Amino acid sequence: MTTNEPGINISGGIHGGTFAFGDQAHVESHHYGTGVQRDAAAEELLAAVRELRADLTRVRASDETAALDEALADTEDDLTRTGQATPSRLDRLRQLLEDSQNVVTFLASAGALTGLLGM
């Protein structure tokens, strides 16, 4: 290295930080142990919500399925961010599932979710 070239000197350690150097540098950071803690019931609900969302992509889209998917997405977001879904969010989801019975009755994932919601 010549005296005119930039240099980096790091002494000690780096903890909890993410760094990338160079023109083509790419950085991806994964901080383990800092995620939201969910209880078993919330994990089961999250899995059921994700499964029904996936199944909804397999049926013909309608206003009912769009509203249900939006409520499922909001519920999934709550569960992943906070570890729980608010009672009002769950009530909205129950109502949309009832309103969408003609669309979701043949989806096993809808049956699993309605069971978890106490319907």
N, C-alpha and C. Protein backbone atom coordinates (compact mmCIF):
# COMPACT_ATOMS: atom_id res chain seq x y z
N MET A 1 0.84 -1.16 0.00
CA MET A 1 0.00 0.00 0.00
C MET A 1 0.90 1.23 0.00
N THR A 2 0.59 2.15 -0.90
CA THR A 2 1.37 3.38 -0.93
C THR A 2 0.82 4.35 0.11
N THR A 3 1.52 5.38 0.33
CA THR A 3 1.12 6.33 1.37
C THR A 3 -0.11 7.14 0.98
N ASN A 4 -0.48 7.17 -0.31
CA ASN A 4 -1.63 7.96 -0.75
C ASN A 4 -2.93 7.15 -0.77
N GLU A 5 -2.86 5.85 -0.57
CA GLU A 5 -4.07 5.04 -0.59
C GLU A 5 -4.78 5.10 0.75
N PRO A 6 -6.15 5.14 0.70
CA PRO A 6 -6.88 5.15 1.96
C PRO A 6 -6.75 3.79 2.65
N GLY A 7 -6.86 3.81 3.93
CA GLY A 7 -6.76 2.57 4.69
C GLY A 7 -7.78 2.54 5.81
N ILE A 8 -8.02 1.36 6.29
CA ILE A 8 -8.95 1.18 7.40
C ILE A 8 -8.22 0.42 8.48
N ASN A 9 -8.36 0.90 9.71
CA ASN A 9 -7.77 0.22 10.83
C ASN A 9 -8.84 0.11 11.91
N ILE A 10 -9.20 -1.11 12.24
CA ILE A 10 -10.20 -1.34 13.29
C ILE A 10 -9.51 -2.12 14.39
N SER A 11 -9.43 -1.51 15.56
CA SER A 11 -8.87 -2.23 16.68
C SER A 11 -9.98 -2.52 17.67
N GLY A 12 -9.86 -3.61 18.34
CA GLY A 12 -10.93 -4.03 19.23
C GLY A 12 -11.93 -4.87 18.46
N GLY A 13 -13.16 -4.81 18.85
CA GLY A 13 -14.17 -5.62 18.19
C GLY A 13 -15.35 -4.79 17.77
N ILE A 14 -16.13 -5.36 16.90
CA ILE A 14 -17.36 -4.74 16.44
C ILE A 14 -18.50 -5.66 16.84
N HIS A 15 -19.46 -5.13 17.57
CA HIS A 15 -20.61 -5.92 18.01
C HIS A 15 -21.89 -5.18 17.69
N GLY A 16 -22.85 -5.88 17.10
CA GLY A 16 -24.15 -5.29 16.84
C GLY A 16 -24.16 -4.29 15.70
N GLY A 17 -23.14 -4.27 14.88
CA GLY A 17 -23.09 -3.33 13.76
C GLY A 17 -22.98 -4.07 12.45
N THR A 18 -23.26 -3.36 11.37
CA THR A 18 -23.18 -3.92 10.03
C THR A 18 -22.38 -2.96 9.17
N PHE A 19 -21.41 -3.48 8.42
CA PHE A 19 -20.55 -2.65 7.62
C PHE A 19 -20.36 -3.26 6.25
N ALA A 20 -20.15 -2.40 5.25
CA ALA A 20 -19.81 -2.84 3.91
C ALA A 20 -18.78 -1.87 3.36
N PHE A 21 -17.77 -2.39 2.69
CA PHE A 21 -16.71 -1.56 2.16
C PHE A 21 -16.54 -1.87 0.68
N GLY A 22 -16.21 -0.88 -0.10
CA GLY A 22 -15.91 -1.08 -1.50
C GLY A 22 -17.06 -0.67 -2.41
N ASP A 23 -16.72 -0.49 -3.69
CA ASP A 23 -17.71 -0.02 -4.67
C ASP A 23 -18.85 -1.02 -4.88
N GLN A 24 -18.58 -2.28 -4.85
CA GLN A 24 -19.59 -3.30 -5.11
C GLN A 24 -20.04 -4.00 -3.84
N ALA A 25 -19.84 -3.39 -2.72
CA ALA A 25 -20.13 -4.02 -1.44
C ALA A 25 -21.63 -4.22 -1.26
N HIS A 26 -21.97 -5.30 -0.65
CA HIS A 26 -23.36 -5.62 -0.29
C HIS A 26 -23.35 -6.09 1.15
N VAL A 27 -24.29 -5.61 1.90
CA VAL A 27 -24.34 -6.01 3.30
C VAL A 27 -25.74 -6.51 3.61
N GLU A 28 -25.79 -7.54 4.40
CA GLU A 28 -27.06 -8.10 4.87
C GLU A 28 -26.87 -8.37 6.35
N SER A 29 -27.79 -7.90 7.14
CA SER A 29 -27.63 -8.00 8.58
C SER A 29 -28.71 -8.87 9.19
N HIS A 30 -28.32 -9.76 10.05
CA HIS A 30 -29.24 -10.61 10.79
C HIS A 30 -28.86 -10.52 12.26
N HIS A 31 -29.74 -9.95 13.04
CA HIS A 31 -29.48 -9.82 14.46
C HIS A 31 -30.39 -10.80 15.18
N TYR A 32 -29.82 -11.88 15.64
CA TYR A 32 -30.59 -12.94 16.27
C TYR A 32 -30.85 -12.62 17.73
N GLY A 33 -31.98 -13.10 18.19
CA GLY A 33 -32.30 -12.91 19.58
C GLY A 33 -32.99 -11.60 19.88
N THR A 34 -33.26 -10.78 18.84
CA THR A 34 -33.91 -9.50 19.08
C THR A 34 -35.34 -9.50 18.57
N GLY A 35 -35.82 -10.63 18.06
CA GLY A 35 -37.16 -10.69 17.50
C GLY A 35 -38.24 -10.71 18.57
N VAL A 36 -39.45 -10.52 18.11
CA VAL A 36 -40.62 -10.53 18.98
C VAL A 36 -40.89 -11.95 19.44
N GLN A 37 -41.18 -12.09 20.70
CA GLN A 37 -41.51 -13.40 21.26
C GLN A 37 -43.01 -13.62 21.12
N ARG A 38 -43.40 -14.77 20.54
CA ARG A 38 -44.80 -15.14 20.40
C ARG A 38 -45.03 -16.41 21.20
N ASP A 39 -46.20 -16.50 21.83
CA ASP A 39 -46.54 -17.73 22.53
C ASP A 39 -47.02 -18.76 21.51
N ALA A 40 -47.27 -19.97 21.98
CA ALA A 40 -47.65 -21.07 21.08
C ALA A 40 -48.94 -20.76 20.34
N ALA A 41 -49.90 -20.14 21.01
CA ALA A 41 -51.18 -19.82 20.37
C ALA A 41 -50.98 -18.79 19.24
N ALA A 42 -50.12 -17.80 19.47
CA ALA A 42 -49.85 -16.80 18.45
C ALA A 42 -49.10 -17.43 17.27
N GLU A 43 -48.18 -18.33 17.54
CA GLU A 43 -47.47 -19.04 16.46
C GLU A 43 -48.44 -19.85 15.62
N GLU A 44 -49.37 -20.54 16.28
CA GLU A 44 -50.35 -21.35 15.57
C GLU A 44 -51.28 -20.46 14.74
N LEU A 45 -51.69 -19.34 15.29
CA LEU A 45 -52.54 -18.40 14.57
C LEU A 45 -51.79 -17.82 13.37
N LEU A 46 -50.54 -17.46 13.54
CA LEU A 46 -49.73 -16.93 12.45
C LEU A 46 -49.60 -17.94 11.33
N ALA A 47 -49.35 -19.19 11.67
CA ALA A 47 -49.24 -20.23 10.65
C ALA A 47 -50.56 -20.40 9.88
N ALA A 48 -51.69 -20.36 10.61
CA ALA A 48 -53.00 -20.50 9.96
C ALA A 48 -53.30 -19.31 9.06
N VAL A 49 -52.96 -18.12 9.49
CA VAL A 49 -53.16 -16.91 8.68
C VAL A 49 -52.35 -17.01 7.40
N ARG A 50 -51.10 -17.40 7.50
CA ARG A 50 -50.24 -17.52 6.32
C ARG A 50 -50.75 -18.60 5.37
N GLU A 51 -51.23 -19.70 5.92
CA GLU A 51 -51.73 -20.78 5.08
C GLU A 51 -52.98 -20.34 4.31
N LEU A 52 -53.90 -19.66 4.99
CA LEU A 52 -55.10 -19.20 4.31
C LEU A 52 -54.76 -18.15 3.26
N ARG A 53 -53.83 -17.27 3.55
CA ARG A 53 -53.41 -16.29 2.54
C ARG A 53 -52.86 -16.98 1.30
N ALA A 54 -52.07 -18.01 1.51
CA ALA A 54 -51.53 -18.76 0.37
C ALA A 54 -52.65 -19.43 -0.41
N ASP A 55 -53.62 -20.01 0.30
CA ASP A 55 -54.74 -20.67 -0.38
C ASP A 55 -55.62 -19.69 -1.14
N LEU A 56 -55.76 -18.48 -0.63
CA LEU A 56 -56.59 -17.48 -1.32
C LEU A 56 -56.05 -17.14 -2.70
N THR A 57 -54.76 -17.30 -2.90
CA THR A 57 -54.19 -17.02 -4.22
C THR A 57 -54.64 -18.05 -5.25
N ARG A 58 -55.20 -19.16 -4.78
CA ARG A 58 -55.61 -20.24 -5.67
C ARG A 58 -57.09 -20.16 -6.07
N VAL A 59 -57.83 -19.20 -5.51
CA VAL A 59 -59.24 -19.05 -5.86
C VAL A 59 -59.43 -17.77 -6.66
N ARG A 60 -60.56 -17.71 -7.33
CA ARG A 60 -60.86 -16.53 -8.14
C ARG A 60 -60.96 -15.30 -7.26
N ALA A 61 -60.27 -14.25 -7.65
CA ALA A 61 -60.27 -13.02 -6.87
C ALA A 61 -61.62 -12.33 -6.94
N SER A 62 -62.01 -11.75 -5.82
CA SER A 62 -63.25 -11.00 -5.73
C SER A 62 -63.07 -9.92 -4.67
N ASP A 63 -64.08 -9.10 -4.51
CA ASP A 63 -64.01 -8.09 -3.45
C ASP A 63 -63.90 -8.76 -2.09
N GLU A 64 -64.60 -9.89 -1.92
CA GLU A 64 -64.55 -10.62 -0.64
C GLU A 64 -63.16 -11.15 -0.35
N THR A 65 -62.55 -11.79 -1.36
CA THR A 65 -61.22 -12.35 -1.13
C THR A 65 -60.18 -11.26 -0.93
N ALA A 66 -60.35 -10.12 -1.62
CA ALA A 66 -59.41 -9.01 -1.46
C ALA A 66 -59.50 -8.44 -0.04
N ALA A 67 -60.72 -8.26 0.46
CA ALA A 67 -60.89 -7.74 1.82
C ALA A 67 -60.35 -8.72 2.85
N LEU A 68 -60.62 -10.01 2.63
CA LEU A 68 -60.12 -11.03 3.55
C LEU A 68 -58.60 -11.07 3.51
N ASP A 69 -58.00 -11.02 2.34
CA ASP A 69 -56.55 -11.04 2.24
C ASP A 69 -55.93 -9.83 2.92
N GLU A 70 -56.56 -8.67 2.78
CA GLU A 70 -56.04 -7.47 3.43
C GLU A 70 -56.09 -7.62 4.96
N ALA A 71 -57.19 -8.16 5.46
CA ALA A 71 -57.29 -8.37 6.92
C ALA A 71 -56.29 -9.42 7.39
N LEU A 72 -56.09 -10.45 6.59
CA LEU A 72 -55.10 -11.48 6.94
C LEU A 72 -53.70 -10.88 6.95
N ALA A 73 -53.40 -10.03 5.96
CA ALA A 73 -52.08 -9.38 5.90
C ALA A 73 -51.86 -8.49 7.12
N ASP A 74 -52.90 -7.75 7.50
CA ASP A 74 -52.78 -6.88 8.68
C ASP A 74 -52.57 -7.71 9.95
N THR A 75 -53.28 -8.83 10.04
CA THR A 75 -53.14 -9.71 11.20
C THR A 75 -51.74 -10.31 11.24
N GLU A 76 -51.26 -10.75 10.08
CA GLU A 76 -49.90 -11.30 9.99
C GLU A 76 -48.88 -10.25 10.42
N ASP A 77 -49.07 -9.02 9.97
CA ASP A 77 -48.16 -7.94 10.35
C ASP A 77 -48.16 -7.72 11.86
N ASP A 78 -49.36 -7.67 12.45
CA ASP A 78 -49.44 -7.52 13.91
C ASP A 78 -48.70 -8.64 14.63
N LEU A 79 -48.95 -9.86 14.19
CA LEU A 79 -48.33 -11.01 14.85
C LEU A 79 -46.82 -11.02 14.71
N THR A 80 -46.31 -10.63 13.56
CA THR A 80 -44.86 -10.65 13.38
C THR A 80 -44.18 -9.47 14.06
N ARG A 81 -44.86 -8.31 14.13
CA ARG A 81 -44.26 -7.13 14.75
C ARG A 81 -44.38 -7.14 16.26
N THR A 82 -45.56 -7.53 16.78
CA THR A 82 -45.81 -7.38 18.21
C THR A 82 -45.96 -8.70 18.95
N GLY A 83 -46.13 -9.80 18.21
CA GLY A 83 -46.31 -11.10 18.85
C GLY A 83 -47.75 -11.41 19.21
N GLN A 84 -48.66 -10.49 18.88
CA GLN A 84 -50.07 -10.72 19.15
C GLN A 84 -50.92 -9.92 18.16
N ALA A 85 -52.17 -10.31 18.04
CA ALA A 85 -53.12 -9.57 17.22
C ALA A 85 -54.13 -8.92 18.16
N THR A 86 -54.50 -7.70 17.86
CA THR A 86 -55.44 -6.99 18.72
C THR A 86 -56.82 -7.63 18.64
N PRO A 87 -57.62 -7.52 19.69
CA PRO A 87 -58.98 -8.06 19.66
C PRO A 87 -59.81 -7.48 18.52
N SER A 88 -59.66 -6.20 18.23
CA SER A 88 -60.42 -5.60 17.12
C SER A 88 -60.00 -6.19 15.78
N ARG A 89 -58.72 -6.48 15.63
CA ARG A 89 -58.23 -7.10 14.40
C ARG A 89 -58.83 -8.51 14.25
N LEU A 90 -58.87 -9.24 15.34
CA LEU A 90 -59.43 -10.59 15.29
C LEU A 90 -60.93 -10.56 15.04
N ASP A 91 -61.62 -9.59 15.62
CA ASP A 91 -63.06 -9.44 15.36
C ASP A 91 -63.32 -9.15 13.89
N ARG A 92 -62.52 -8.28 13.31
CA ARG A 92 -62.66 -7.96 11.87
C ARG A 92 -62.41 -9.21 11.03
N LEU A 93 -61.42 -9.97 11.39
CA LEU A 93 -61.11 -11.20 10.66
C LEU A 93 -62.26 -12.20 10.77
N ARG A 94 -62.83 -12.34 11.96
CA ARG A 94 -63.99 -13.23 12.14
C ARG A 94 -65.15 -12.81 11.24
N GLN A 95 -65.43 -11.51 11.21
CA GLN A 95 -66.53 -11.00 10.39
C GLN A 95 -66.30 -11.28 8.91
N LEU A 96 -65.08 -11.03 8.45
CA LEU A 96 -64.77 -11.27 7.04
C LEU A 96 -64.84 -12.75 6.68
N LEU A 97 -64.43 -13.61 7.61
CA LEU A 97 -64.54 -15.05 7.36
C LEU A 97 -66.00 -15.47 7.26
N GLU A 98 -66.84 -14.91 8.12
CA GLU A 98 -68.27 -15.21 8.04
C GLU A 98 -68.85 -14.70 6.73
N ASP A 99 -68.47 -13.50 6.32
CA ASP A 99 -68.97 -12.92 5.07
C ASP A 99 -68.47 -13.67 3.84
N SER A 100 -67.36 -14.36 3.96
CA SER A 100 -66.74 -15.03 2.81
C SER A 100 -67.00 -16.54 2.82
N GLN A 101 -67.99 -16.98 3.54
CA GLN A 101 -68.23 -18.42 3.68
C GLN A 101 -68.37 -19.13 2.33
N ASN A 102 -69.05 -18.50 1.37
CA ASN A 102 -69.22 -19.16 0.07
C ASN A 102 -67.89 -19.33 -0.67
N VAL A 103 -66.90 -18.53 -0.34
CA VAL A 103 -65.59 -18.63 -1.00
C VAL A 103 -64.66 -19.58 -0.27
N VAL A 104 -64.69 -19.54 1.06
CA VAL A 104 -63.66 -20.25 1.82
C VAL A 104 -64.12 -21.57 2.44
N THR A 105 -65.37 -21.96 2.26
CA THR A 105 -65.84 -23.19 2.92
C THR A 105 -65.07 -24.42 2.48
N PHE A 106 -64.60 -24.44 1.25
CA PHE A 106 -63.88 -25.61 0.77
C PHE A 106 -62.39 -25.58 1.04
N LEU A 107 -61.89 -24.53 1.68
CA LEU A 107 -60.46 -24.44 2.00
C LEU A 107 -60.21 -24.95 3.41
N ALA A 108 -59.42 -25.99 3.52
CA ALA A 108 -59.11 -26.54 4.84
C ALA A 108 -58.42 -25.51 5.72
N SER A 109 -57.63 -24.63 5.11
CA SER A 109 -56.95 -23.61 5.90
C SER A 109 -57.93 -22.64 6.54
N ALA A 110 -59.05 -22.38 5.88
CA ALA A 110 -60.07 -21.50 6.47
C ALA A 110 -60.70 -22.19 7.68
N GLY A 111 -60.92 -23.49 7.57
CA GLY A 111 -61.46 -24.23 8.71
C GLY A 111 -60.52 -24.21 9.90
N ALA A 112 -59.24 -24.34 9.63
CA ALA A 112 -58.25 -24.31 10.71
C ALA A 112 -58.24 -22.95 11.40
N LEU A 113 -58.29 -21.88 10.60
CA LEU A 113 -58.27 -20.54 11.16
C LEU A 113 -59.55 -20.25 11.93
N THR A 114 -60.70 -20.62 11.40
CA THR A 114 -61.94 -20.36 12.13
C THR A 114 -61.96 -21.12 13.45
N GLY A 115 -61.39 -22.30 13.48
CA GLY A 115 -61.28 -23.04 14.74
C GLY A 115 -60.42 -22.30 15.76
N LEU A 116 -59.32 -21.73 15.30
CA LEU A 116 -58.43 -20.99 16.21
C LEU A 116 -59.07 -19.69 16.69
N LEU A 117 -59.99 -19.15 15.89
CA LEU A 117 -60.68 -17.92 16.28
C LEU A 117 -61.93 -18.19 17.09
N GLY A 118 -62.20 -19.45 17.38
CA GLY A 118 -63.34 -19.80 18.22
C GLY A 118 -64.68 -19.68 17.51
N MET A 119 -64.67 -19.88 16.22
CA MET A 119 -65.92 -19.76 15.47
C MET A 119 -66.58 -21.12 15.26
